[in-house]
Amino acid sequence: MPSPALERRVRHALSLWQAGVVSRLICCGGVGNHPPAESQVMRAMLIEAGVPGEAIGVEIRSKDTISNIGNALAQYPELWKGQVLIVTDGFHAYRARRIAAWFGLDAESASAPDDDIPRGLLMRARLREAGAMVKTTVWMALHH
């Protein structure tokens, strides 16, 4: 069963696909505590909503945002051509774009609406993201 956050992001990606903003969706995310991989859950949700399977790519090995983007690039080199739109939560969008830029991608983000996230949970997510940005910045410096 998908988490509310995953459902929110998939719904937003679906709306972008339905509006013709994107023509291809790459689902990223490996296996957490229990199978299946997060990306496989996303793919199933998108197919159930009417997206054809050939419009969906799946990356199943990643465990974090850095490996989401790095693994997707290795698996789908066509991502280097043109602009990439990263669908994520607003509190995570800045770091996702920074990581994409570090990899050399021309990327923008499209944030899923967060009006259904309880205020306390949103504050914790923003605090966690601040710490993750520090960790990501150190990683980038060490891997430059």
N, C-alpha and C. Protein backbone atom coordinates (compact mmCIF):
# COMPACT_ATOMS: atom_id res chain seq x y z
N MET A 1 0.85 -1.18 0.00
CA MET A 1 0.00 0.00 0.00
C MET A 1 0.90 1.25 0.00
N PRO A 2 0.65 2.18 -0.92
CA PRO A 2 1.48 3.37 -0.99
C PRO A 2 1.23 4.32 0.18
N SER A 3 2.28 5.04 0.57
CA SER A 3 2.14 6.05 1.62
C SER A 3 1.35 7.24 1.06
N PRO A 4 0.79 8.07 1.95
CA PRO A 4 0.10 9.27 1.46
C PRO A 4 1.03 10.16 0.63
N ALA A 5 2.30 10.24 1.00
CA ALA A 5 3.25 11.06 0.25
C ALA A 5 3.45 10.50 -1.16
N LEU A 6 3.60 9.20 -1.26
CA LEU A 6 3.77 8.58 -2.57
C LEU A 6 2.52 8.78 -3.42
N GLU A 7 1.36 8.58 -2.84
CA GLU A 7 0.11 8.79 -3.58
C GLU A 7 0.01 10.23 -4.08
N ARG A 8 0.38 11.19 -3.24
CA ARG A 8 0.32 12.60 -3.61
C ARG A 8 1.23 12.88 -4.81
N ARG A 9 2.45 12.37 -4.78
CA ARG A 9 3.39 12.61 -5.87
C ARG A 9 2.95 11.91 -7.16
N VAL A 10 2.43 10.71 -7.04
CA VAL A 10 1.96 9.99 -8.23
C VAL A 10 0.75 10.70 -8.84
N ARG A 11 -0.17 11.16 -8.01
CA ARG A 11 -1.32 11.91 -8.53
C ARG A 11 -0.86 13.16 -9.28
N HIS A 12 0.15 13.83 -8.75
CA HIS A 12 0.64 15.04 -9.40
C HIS A 12 1.32 14.70 -10.73
N ALA A 13 2.14 13.66 -10.74
CA ALA A 13 2.78 13.23 -11.99
C ALA A 13 1.72 12.83 -13.02
N LEU A 14 0.70 12.14 -12.58
CA LEU A 14 -0.39 11.75 -13.47
C LEU A 14 -1.07 12.98 -14.06
N SER A 15 -1.32 13.99 -13.25
CA SER A 15 -1.99 15.19 -13.76
C SER A 15 -1.11 15.90 -14.80
N LEU A 16 0.20 15.89 -14.60
CA LEU A 16 1.12 16.49 -15.58
C LEU A 16 1.10 15.69 -16.88
N TRP A 17 1.06 14.37 -16.77
CA TRP A 17 1.00 13.53 -17.97
C TRP A 17 -0.32 13.74 -18.70
N GLN A 18 -1.43 13.75 -17.96
CA GLN A 18 -2.74 13.93 -18.58
C GLN A 18 -2.87 15.29 -19.27
N ALA A 19 -2.19 16.32 -18.71
CA ALA A 19 -2.24 17.66 -19.29
C ALA A 19 -1.28 17.81 -20.46
N GLY A 20 -0.49 16.79 -20.73
CA GLY A 20 0.46 16.85 -21.83
C GLY A 20 1.74 17.61 -21.51
N VAL A 21 1.96 17.91 -20.26
CA VAL A 21 3.18 18.61 -19.84
C VAL A 21 4.39 17.70 -20.01
N VAL A 22 4.20 16.41 -19.73
CA VAL A 22 5.26 15.41 -19.89
C VAL A 22 4.74 14.27 -20.75
N SER A 23 5.66 13.64 -21.47
CA SER A 23 5.26 12.52 -22.33
C SER A 23 5.80 11.19 -21.81
N ARG A 24 6.66 11.27 -20.83
CA ARG A 24 7.28 10.06 -20.26
C ARG A 24 7.44 10.27 -18.77
N LEU A 25 7.24 9.21 -18.01
CA LEU A 25 7.39 9.25 -16.56
C LEU A 25 8.43 8.21 -16.16
N ILE A 26 9.42 8.63 -15.39
CA ILE A 26 10.43 7.70 -14.87
C ILE A 26 10.20 7.59 -13.37
N CYS A 27 9.80 6.43 -12.92
CA CYS A 27 9.55 6.17 -11.51
C CYS A 27 10.84 5.66 -10.87
N CYS A 28 11.25 6.29 -9.79
CA CYS A 28 12.50 5.90 -9.12
C CYS A 28 12.22 5.50 -7.69
N GLY A 29 12.89 4.46 -7.24
CA GLY A 29 12.79 4.04 -5.85
C GLY A 29 12.92 2.55 -5.71
N GLY A 30 13.82 2.16 -4.86
CA GLY A 30 14.07 0.75 -4.63
C GLY A 30 13.17 0.16 -3.56
N VAL A 31 13.54 -1.02 -3.11
CA VAL A 31 12.78 -1.73 -2.08
C VAL A 31 13.15 -1.15 -0.72
N GLY A 32 12.15 -0.78 0.04
CA GLY A 32 12.36 -0.28 1.40
C GLY A 32 12.45 -1.45 2.36
N ASN A 33 11.65 -1.42 3.39
CA ASN A 33 11.64 -2.52 4.37
C ASN A 33 11.01 -3.78 3.81
N HIS A 34 10.10 -3.61 2.86
CA HIS A 34 9.38 -4.75 2.29
C HIS A 34 9.17 -4.51 0.80
N PRO A 35 9.24 -5.59 -0.01
CA PRO A 35 8.93 -5.45 -1.43
C PRO A 35 7.46 -5.12 -1.61
N PRO A 36 7.11 -4.62 -2.76
CA PRO A 36 7.91 -4.37 -3.96
C PRO A 36 8.65 -3.03 -3.86
N ALA A 37 9.44 -2.75 -4.88
CA ALA A 37 10.14 -1.47 -4.96
C ALA A 37 9.12 -0.34 -5.07
N GLU A 38 9.45 0.79 -4.49
CA GLU A 38 8.57 1.96 -4.54
C GLU A 38 8.23 2.33 -5.98
N SER A 39 9.21 2.23 -6.87
CA SER A 39 8.97 2.58 -8.27
C SER A 39 7.98 1.62 -8.93
N GLN A 40 7.98 0.38 -8.52
CA GLN A 40 7.02 -0.57 -9.08
C GLN A 40 5.60 -0.26 -8.61
N VAL A 41 5.48 0.19 -7.37
CA VAL A 41 4.18 0.61 -6.85
C VAL A 41 3.68 1.82 -7.65
N MET A 42 4.58 2.78 -7.90
CA MET A 42 4.20 3.96 -8.69
C MET A 42 3.74 3.57 -10.08
N ARG A 43 4.49 2.67 -10.71
CA ARG A 43 4.14 2.23 -12.07
C ARG A 43 2.74 1.61 -12.09
N ALA A 44 2.48 0.73 -11.12
CA ALA A 44 1.17 0.09 -11.06
C ALA A 44 0.05 1.12 -10.88
N MET A 45 0.28 2.12 -10.05
CA MET A 45 -0.72 3.17 -9.84
C MET A 45 -0.97 3.95 -11.13
N LEU A 46 0.11 4.27 -11.85
CA LEU A 46 -0.02 5.02 -13.09
C LEU A 46 -0.75 4.22 -14.16
N ILE A 47 -0.42 2.94 -14.28
CA ILE A 47 -1.09 2.09 -15.26
C ILE A 47 -2.57 1.95 -14.91
N GLU A 48 -2.86 1.78 -13.63
CA GLU A 48 -4.26 1.68 -13.20
C GLU A 48 -5.03 2.96 -13.54
N ALA A 49 -4.32 4.10 -13.55
CA ALA A 49 -4.95 5.38 -13.87
C ALA A 49 -5.00 5.65 -15.37
N GLY A 50 -4.48 4.73 -16.20
CA GLY A 50 -4.60 4.87 -17.64
C GLY A 50 -3.35 5.25 -18.40
N VAL A 51 -2.21 5.38 -17.73
CA VAL A 51 -0.96 5.69 -18.44
C VAL A 51 -0.47 4.41 -19.09
N PRO A 52 -0.16 4.43 -20.38
CA PRO A 52 0.35 3.22 -21.03
C PRO A 52 1.73 2.84 -20.48
N GLY A 53 1.94 1.55 -20.33
CA GLY A 53 3.19 1.04 -19.78
C GLY A 53 4.42 1.53 -20.50
N GLU A 54 4.32 1.71 -21.83
CA GLU A 54 5.49 2.16 -22.59
C GLU A 54 5.86 3.61 -22.30
N ALA A 55 4.99 4.35 -21.63
CA ALA A 55 5.29 5.74 -21.26
C ALA A 55 5.93 5.84 -19.88
N ILE A 56 6.15 4.68 -19.24
CA ILE A 56 6.65 4.65 -17.86
C ILE A 56 7.97 3.90 -17.80
N GLY A 57 8.99 4.55 -17.27
CA GLY A 57 10.25 3.88 -16.99
C GLY A 57 10.32 3.59 -15.50
N VAL A 58 11.07 2.55 -15.14
CA VAL A 58 11.15 2.15 -13.74
C VAL A 58 12.61 1.91 -13.36
N GLU A 59 13.05 2.58 -12.32
CA GLU A 59 14.38 2.40 -11.74
C GLU A 59 14.17 1.82 -10.35
N ILE A 60 14.70 0.64 -10.09
CA ILE A 60 14.35 -0.09 -8.85
C ILE A 60 15.47 -0.22 -7.82
N ARG A 61 16.63 0.39 -8.05
CA ARG A 61 17.76 0.16 -7.14
C ARG A 61 18.01 1.28 -6.15
N SER A 62 17.47 2.45 -6.37
CA SER A 62 17.86 3.61 -5.57
C SER A 62 17.29 3.58 -4.16
N LYS A 63 18.03 4.24 -3.28
CA LYS A 63 17.65 4.31 -1.86
C LYS A 63 17.51 5.75 -1.37
N ASP A 64 17.95 6.73 -2.20
CA ASP A 64 17.88 8.13 -1.81
C ASP A 64 17.84 8.98 -3.08
N THR A 65 17.76 10.28 -2.91
CA THR A 65 17.60 11.17 -4.06
C THR A 65 18.82 11.14 -4.97
N ILE A 66 20.00 11.08 -4.40
CA ILE A 66 21.21 11.02 -5.22
C ILE A 66 21.19 9.79 -6.11
N SER A 67 20.89 8.64 -5.53
CA SER A 67 20.86 7.42 -6.35
C SER A 67 19.62 7.38 -7.25
N ASN A 68 18.51 8.03 -6.86
CA ASN A 68 17.35 8.14 -7.77
C ASN A 68 17.79 8.74 -9.09
N ILE A 69 18.47 9.88 -9.00
CA ILE A 69 18.85 10.60 -10.20
C ILE A 69 20.01 9.92 -10.92
N GLY A 70 21.03 9.52 -10.18
CA GLY A 70 22.18 8.85 -10.79
C GLY A 70 21.81 7.56 -11.49
N ASN A 71 21.02 6.73 -10.85
CA ASN A 71 20.61 5.46 -11.45
C ASN A 71 19.69 5.66 -12.64
N ALA A 72 18.79 6.65 -12.54
CA ALA A 72 17.90 6.93 -13.67
C ALA A 72 18.70 7.38 -14.88
N LEU A 73 19.72 8.20 -14.67
CA LEU A 73 20.57 8.64 -15.78
C LEU A 73 21.32 7.48 -16.42
N ALA A 74 21.81 6.57 -15.59
CA ALA A 74 22.53 5.41 -16.12
C ALA A 74 21.59 4.51 -16.92
N GLN A 75 20.38 4.36 -16.46
CA GLN A 75 19.41 3.46 -17.09
C GLN A 75 18.72 4.12 -18.29
N TYR A 76 18.53 5.43 -18.24
CA TYR A 76 17.82 6.16 -19.29
C TYR A 76 18.67 7.34 -19.76
N PRO A 77 19.71 7.09 -20.56
CA PRO A 77 20.61 8.17 -20.97
C PRO A 77 19.93 9.26 -21.80
N GLU A 78 18.75 8.99 -22.33
CA GLU A 78 18.03 10.02 -23.07
C GLU A 78 17.63 11.20 -22.18
N LEU A 79 17.70 11.00 -20.86
CA LEU A 79 17.38 12.09 -19.94
C LEU A 79 18.35 13.26 -20.06
N TRP A 80 19.54 13.00 -20.60
CA TRP A 80 20.53 14.05 -20.80
C TRP A 80 20.05 15.06 -21.85
N LYS A 81 19.15 14.64 -22.73
CA LYS A 81 18.68 15.51 -23.82
C LYS A 81 17.45 16.28 -23.34
N GLY A 82 17.51 17.57 -23.40
CA GLY A 82 16.35 18.39 -23.04
C GLY A 82 16.20 18.56 -21.55
N GLN A 83 15.06 19.09 -21.19
CA GLN A 83 14.79 19.39 -19.78
C GLN A 83 14.07 18.24 -19.10
N VAL A 84 14.40 18.05 -17.84
CA VAL A 84 13.79 17.02 -17.00
C VAL A 84 12.92 17.73 -15.97
N LEU A 85 11.77 17.17 -15.69
CA LEU A 85 10.88 17.72 -14.68
C LEU A 85 10.81 16.72 -13.53
N ILE A 86 11.26 17.13 -12.38
CA ILE A 86 11.27 16.27 -11.20
C ILE A 86 10.00 16.53 -10.40
N VAL A 87 9.22 15.48 -10.21
CA VAL A 87 8.00 15.60 -9.42
C VAL A 87 8.32 15.14 -8.01
N THR A 88 8.15 16.04 -7.06
CA THR A 88 8.45 15.73 -5.67
C THR A 88 7.66 16.68 -4.78
N ASP A 89 7.84 16.54 -3.49
CA ASP A 89 7.19 17.45 -2.55
C ASP A 89 7.93 18.78 -2.53
N GLY A 90 7.22 19.85 -2.24
CA GLY A 90 7.80 21.18 -2.23
C GLY A 90 8.98 21.31 -1.29
N PHE A 91 8.90 20.70 -0.13
CA PHE A 91 10.00 20.81 0.83
C PHE A 91 11.26 20.10 0.35
N HIS A 92 11.14 19.25 -0.64
CA HIS A 92 12.28 18.46 -1.15
C HIS A 92 12.77 18.97 -2.51
N ALA A 93 12.02 19.84 -3.15
CA ALA A 93 12.29 20.23 -4.53
C ALA A 93 13.65 20.91 -4.71
N TYR A 94 14.01 21.81 -3.83
CA TYR A 94 15.28 22.53 -3.98
C TYR A 94 16.46 21.55 -3.99
N ARG A 95 16.48 20.64 -3.04
CA ARG A 95 17.60 19.68 -2.97
C ARG A 95 17.61 18.76 -4.19
N ALA A 96 16.44 18.34 -4.65
CA ALA A 96 16.37 17.48 -5.84
C ALA A 96 16.93 18.21 -7.06
N ARG A 97 16.59 19.50 -7.21
CA ARG A 97 17.12 20.27 -8.33
C ARG A 97 18.62 20.46 -8.22
N ARG A 98 19.11 20.68 -7.01
CA ARG A 98 20.57 20.84 -6.80
C ARG A 98 21.30 19.57 -7.17
N ILE A 99 20.77 18.42 -6.79
CA ILE A 99 21.40 17.14 -7.14
C ILE A 99 21.37 16.95 -8.65
N ALA A 100 20.24 17.23 -9.27
CA ALA A 100 20.15 17.10 -10.73
C ALA A 100 21.18 18.00 -11.41
N ALA A 101 21.33 19.23 -10.93
CA ALA A 101 22.31 20.14 -11.51
C ALA A 101 23.73 19.61 -11.30
N TRP A 102 23.98 19.01 -10.16
CA TRP A 102 25.30 18.43 -9.89
C TRP A 102 25.63 17.36 -10.93
N PHE A 103 24.62 16.59 -11.32
CA PHE A 103 24.81 15.56 -12.36
C PHE A 103 24.87 16.17 -13.76
N GLY A 104 24.58 17.46 -13.89
CA GLY A 104 24.63 18.12 -15.18
C GLY A 104 23.32 18.14 -15.93
N LEU A 105 22.24 17.87 -15.25
CA LEU A 105 20.92 17.87 -15.90
C LEU A 105 20.32 19.26 -15.95
N ASP A 106 19.55 19.51 -16.98
CA ASP A 106 18.71 20.70 -17.07
C ASP A 106 17.38 20.28 -16.45
N ALA A 107 17.19 20.63 -15.18
CA ALA A 107 16.01 20.13 -14.47
C ALA A 107 15.25 21.24 -13.76
N GLU A 108 13.96 21.08 -13.78
CA GLU A 108 13.03 21.90 -13.01
C GLU A 108 12.26 20.94 -12.11
N SER A 109 11.48 21.50 -11.21
CA SER A 109 10.66 20.64 -10.35
C SER A 109 9.21 21.05 -10.45
N ALA A 110 8.35 20.10 -10.20
CA ALA A 110 6.92 20.32 -10.11
C ALA A 110 6.46 19.70 -8.80
N SER A 111 6.10 20.54 -7.87
CA SER A 111 5.78 20.06 -6.53
C SER A 111 4.33 19.64 -6.39
N ALA A 112 4.16 18.51 -5.78
CA ALA A 112 2.82 18.03 -5.47
C ALA A 112 2.21 18.95 -4.41
N PRO A 113 0.92 19.22 -4.50
CA PRO A 113 0.27 20.06 -3.47
C PRO A 113 0.47 19.46 -2.09
N ASP A 114 0.72 20.31 -1.11
CA ASP A 114 0.98 19.80 0.24
C ASP A 114 -0.09 20.24 1.25
N ASP A 115 -1.23 20.69 0.75
CA ASP A 115 -2.27 21.17 1.65
C ASP A 115 -2.92 20.06 2.48
N ASP A 116 -2.66 18.81 2.13
CA ASP A 116 -3.23 17.70 2.92
C ASP A 116 -2.23 17.14 3.93
N ILE A 117 -1.03 17.73 4.01
CA ILE A 117 -0.03 17.27 4.97
C ILE A 117 -0.27 17.98 6.30
N PRO A 118 -0.44 17.23 7.38
CA PRO A 118 -0.62 17.88 8.68
C PRO A 118 0.56 18.81 9.00
N ARG A 119 0.25 19.95 9.60
CA ARG A 119 1.26 20.98 9.86
C ARG A 119 2.49 20.46 10.59
N GLY A 120 2.30 19.67 11.62
CA GLY A 120 3.44 19.13 12.38
C GLY A 120 4.31 18.22 11.52
N LEU A 121 3.68 17.41 10.70
CA LEU A 121 4.42 16.51 9.81
C LEU A 121 5.20 17.31 8.77
N LEU A 122 4.59 18.36 8.25
CA LEU A 122 5.26 19.21 7.28
C LEU A 122 6.47 19.91 7.90
N MET A 123 6.33 20.38 9.13
CA MET A 123 7.47 21.02 9.81
C MET A 123 8.60 20.02 10.03
N ARG A 124 8.28 18.80 10.43
CA ARG A 124 9.32 17.77 10.62
C ARG A 124 10.00 17.45 9.29
N ALA A 125 9.21 17.39 8.23
CA ALA A 125 9.78 17.11 6.91
C ALA A 125 10.73 18.22 6.48
N ARG A 126 10.37 19.45 6.73
CA ARG A 126 11.25 20.58 6.38
C ARG A 126 12.53 20.56 7.20
N LEU A 127 12.43 20.24 8.47
CA LEU A 127 13.63 20.14 9.31
C LEU A 127 14.53 19.00 8.84
N ARG A 128 13.93 17.86 8.53
CA ARG A 128 14.70 16.72 8.03
C ARG A 128 15.39 17.09 6.72
N GLU A 129 14.69 17.82 5.89
CA GLU A 129 15.24 18.23 4.59
C GLU A 129 16.42 19.17 4.76
N ALA A 130 16.36 20.03 5.76
CA ALA A 130 17.50 20.93 6.02
C ALA A 130 18.74 20.12 6.37
N GLY A 131 18.59 19.12 7.21
CA GLY A 131 19.72 18.25 7.54
C GLY A 131 20.20 17.47 6.33
N ALA A 132 19.26 17.01 5.51
CA ALA A 132 19.63 16.26 4.30
C ALA A 132 20.37 17.16 3.32
N MET A 133 20.04 18.44 3.28
CA MET A 133 20.74 19.37 2.38
C MET A 133 22.19 19.53 2.81
N VAL A 134 22.42 19.58 4.11
CA VAL A 134 23.80 19.65 4.61
C VAL A 134 24.56 18.40 4.20
N LYS A 135 23.98 17.25 4.42
CA LYS A 135 24.60 15.98 4.05
C LYS A 135 24.87 15.92 2.54
N THR A 136 23.91 16.37 1.74
CA THR A 136 24.06 16.36 0.29
C THR A 136 25.18 17.31 -0.15
N THR A 137 25.25 18.48 0.48
CA THR A 137 26.30 19.44 0.13
C THR A 137 27.68 18.86 0.43
N VAL A 138 27.82 18.18 1.54
CA VAL A 138 29.09 17.54 1.88
C VAL A 138 29.40 16.44 0.84
N TRP A 139 28.40 15.65 0.50
CA TRP A 139 28.61 14.59 -0.52
C TRP A 139 29.08 15.19 -1.83
N MET A 140 28.43 16.27 -2.26
CA MET A 140 28.79 16.92 -3.51
C MET A 140 30.24 17.42 -3.47
N ALA A 141 30.62 18.00 -2.36
CA ALA A 141 31.99 18.51 -2.21
C ALA A 141 33.00 17.38 -2.25
N LEU A 142 32.68 16.27 -1.66
CA LEU A 142 33.60 15.12 -1.63
C LEU A 142 33.67 14.38 -2.96
N HIS A 143 32.64 14.50 -3.76
CA HIS A 143 32.57 13.78 -5.03
C HIS A 143 32.68 14.69 -6.25
N HIS A 144 33.21 15.86 -6.06
CA HIS A 144 33.32 16.82 -7.15
C HIS A 144 34.40 16.44 -8.13
